[in-house]
Amino acid sequence: MKAKELKLLEASINEAIKLLYKDGYIVTEIDTDKDYMGPGPSRVKSVKIILATR
């Protein structure tokens, strides 16, 4: 994953967390599933956000 794509992904996750917090949820864990394709950067396949209610 390129640095630019990673920054976009991080911004999207941060925005989602803010919206969820406004709706009364808190994030307890963030888990990313990555694809390791030999040497070089790995690709993020999925991001799992685990929530709890406040």
N, C-alpha and C. Protein backbone atom coordinates (compact mmCIF):
# COMPACT_ATOMS: atom_id res chain seq x y z
N MET A 1 0.85 -1.18 0.00
CA MET A 1 0.00 0.00 0.00
C MET A 1 0.89 1.24 0.00
N LYS A 2 0.59 2.14 -0.89
CA LYS A 2 1.38 3.36 -1.00
C LYS A 2 1.09 4.29 0.18
N ALA A 3 2.05 5.15 0.48
CA ALA A 3 1.91 6.08 1.60
C ALA A 3 0.66 6.95 1.44
N LYS A 4 0.39 7.40 0.21
CA LYS A 4 -0.78 8.25 -0.04
C LYS A 4 -2.08 7.49 0.26
N GLU A 5 -2.15 6.22 -0.17
CA GLU A 5 -3.33 5.40 0.10
C GLU A 5 -3.50 5.17 1.59
N LEU A 6 -2.38 4.95 2.28
CA LEU A 6 -2.43 4.70 3.72
C LEU A 6 -2.96 5.93 4.46
N LYS A 7 -2.52 7.12 4.04
CA LYS A 7 -3.01 8.35 4.66
C LYS A 7 -4.52 8.51 4.45
N LEU A 8 -5.00 8.18 3.24
CA LEU A 8 -6.43 8.25 2.96
C LEU A 8 -7.21 7.26 3.83
N LEU A 9 -6.67 6.06 3.97
CA LEU A 9 -7.31 5.04 4.80
C LEU A 9 -7.37 5.49 6.25
N GLU A 10 -6.27 6.04 6.76
CA GLU A 10 -6.24 6.52 8.14
C GLU A 10 -7.24 7.65 8.35
N ALA A 11 -7.33 8.56 7.39
CA ALA A 11 -8.27 9.68 7.49
C ALA A 11 -9.71 9.16 7.50
N SER A 12 -10.00 8.16 6.67
CA SER A 12 -11.34 7.57 6.62
C SER A 12 -11.70 6.90 7.94
N ILE A 13 -10.75 6.16 8.50
CA ILE A 13 -10.98 5.48 9.78
C ILE A 13 -11.21 6.51 10.88
N ASN A 14 -10.38 7.56 10.92
CA ASN A 14 -10.54 8.60 11.94
C ASN A 14 -11.89 9.28 11.84
N GLU A 15 -12.34 9.53 10.61
CA GLU A 15 -13.64 10.17 10.40
C GLU A 15 -14.77 9.25 10.87
N ALA A 16 -14.65 7.96 10.57
CA ALA A 16 -15.66 6.98 11.01
C ALA A 16 -15.72 6.93 12.54
N ILE A 17 -14.56 6.96 13.19
CA ILE A 17 -14.51 6.91 14.65
C ILE A 17 -15.20 8.14 15.25
N LYS A 18 -14.97 9.32 14.67
CA LYS A 18 -15.62 10.55 15.16
C LYS A 18 -17.14 10.44 15.06
N LEU A 19 -17.63 9.95 13.91
CA LEU A 19 -19.07 9.83 13.71
C LEU A 19 -19.68 8.81 14.67
N LEU A 20 -18.98 7.70 14.86
CA LEU A 20 -19.46 6.67 15.79
C LEU A 20 -19.50 7.20 17.22
N TYR A 21 -18.50 7.99 17.60
CA TYR A 21 -18.44 8.56 18.95
C TYR A 21 -19.63 9.49 19.18
N LYS A 22 -19.96 10.28 18.14
CA LYS A 22 -21.11 11.19 18.25
C LYS A 22 -22.41 10.41 18.44
N ASP A 23 -22.46 9.19 17.88
CA ASP A 23 -23.66 8.35 18.01
C ASP A 23 -23.66 7.52 19.29
N GLY A 24 -22.64 7.69 20.15
CA GLY A 24 -22.65 7.03 21.45
C GLY A 24 -21.81 5.77 21.53
N TYR A 25 -20.94 5.56 20.56
CA TYR A 25 -20.08 4.37 20.59
C TYR A 25 -18.64 4.77 20.91
N ILE A 26 -17.91 3.86 21.52
CA ILE A 26 -16.48 4.07 21.69
C ILE A 26 -15.76 2.90 21.03
N VAL A 27 -14.60 3.17 20.50
CA VAL A 27 -13.81 2.14 19.83
C VAL A 27 -12.95 1.43 20.87
N THR A 28 -13.07 0.12 20.93
CA THR A 28 -12.28 -0.65 21.89
C THR A 28 -11.06 -1.28 21.24
N GLU A 29 -11.14 -1.51 19.93
CA GLU A 29 -10.02 -2.16 19.25
C GLU A 29 -10.12 -1.91 17.75
N ILE A 30 -8.97 -1.74 17.12
CA ILE A 30 -8.91 -1.66 15.65
C ILE A 30 -7.95 -2.74 15.20
N ASP A 31 -8.42 -3.60 14.30
CA ASP A 31 -7.62 -4.73 13.83
C ASP A 31 -7.51 -4.65 12.32
N THR A 32 -6.31 -4.69 11.79
CA THR A 32 -6.14 -4.68 10.34
C THR A 32 -5.65 -6.04 9.87
N ASP A 33 -6.21 -6.50 8.77
CA ASP A 33 -5.81 -7.76 8.17
C ASP A 33 -4.96 -7.42 6.95
N LYS A 34 -3.72 -7.85 6.96
CA LYS A 34 -2.79 -7.47 5.89
C LYS A 34 -2.39 -8.66 5.03
N ASP A 35 -2.09 -8.37 3.80
CA ASP A 35 -1.55 -9.35 2.85
C ASP A 35 -0.06 -9.13 2.75
N TYR A 36 0.72 -10.12 3.08
CA TYR A 36 2.16 -9.98 2.93
C TYR A 36 2.57 -10.61 1.60
N MET A 37 3.10 -9.79 0.72
CA MET A 37 3.44 -10.23 -0.62
C MET A 37 4.96 -10.22 -0.80
N GLY A 38 5.66 -10.95 0.04
CA GLY A 38 7.12 -10.98 -0.08
C GLY A 38 7.73 -9.69 0.41
N PRO A 39 8.91 -9.36 -0.09
CA PRO A 39 9.57 -8.12 0.36
C PRO A 39 8.80 -6.89 -0.12
N GLY A 40 8.97 -5.81 0.59
CA GLY A 40 8.28 -4.57 0.23
C GLY A 40 7.07 -4.37 1.12
N PRO A 41 6.31 -3.31 0.85
CA PRO A 41 5.16 -2.99 1.70
C PRO A 41 4.04 -4.02 1.59
N SER A 42 3.28 -4.18 2.65
CA SER A 42 2.15 -5.11 2.63
C SER A 42 0.88 -4.34 2.30
N ARG A 43 -0.11 -5.07 1.82
CA ARG A 43 -1.41 -4.47 1.51
C ARG A 43 -2.37 -4.71 2.66
N VAL A 44 -3.15 -3.70 2.98
CA VAL A 44 -4.18 -3.87 4.00
C VAL A 44 -5.42 -4.40 3.29
N LYS A 45 -5.88 -5.60 3.70
CA LYS A 45 -7.06 -6.21 3.08
C LYS A 45 -8.35 -5.69 3.71
N SER A 46 -8.34 -5.61 5.05
CA SER A 46 -9.55 -5.16 5.73
C SER A 46 -9.19 -4.51 7.06
N VAL A 47 -10.11 -3.68 7.51
CA VAL A 47 -9.95 -3.02 8.81
C VAL A 47 -11.20 -3.34 9.61
N LYS A 48 -11.01 -3.89 10.81
CA LYS A 48 -12.13 -4.23 11.67
C LYS A 48 -12.10 -3.29 12.87
N ILE A 49 -13.21 -2.60 13.10
CA ILE A 49 -13.32 -1.68 14.24
C ILE A 49 -14.30 -2.30 15.23
N ILE A 50 -13.83 -2.59 16.44
CA ILE A 50 -14.68 -3.20 17.46
C ILE A 50 -15.18 -2.09 18.39
N LEU A 51 -16.50 -2.06 18.58
CA LEU A 51 -17.14 -0.96 19.30
C LEU A 51 -17.76 -1.41 20.61
N ALA A 52 -17.97 -0.46 21.47
CA ALA A 52 -18.76 -0.66 22.69
C ALA A 52 -19.64 0.58 22.86
N THR A 53 -20.78 0.42 23.50
CA THR A 53 -21.62 1.59 23.74
C THR A 53 -21.16 2.28 25.01
N ARG A 54 -21.35 3.59 25.04
CA ARG A 54 -20.96 4.37 26.23
C ARG A 54 -22.02 4.23 27.29
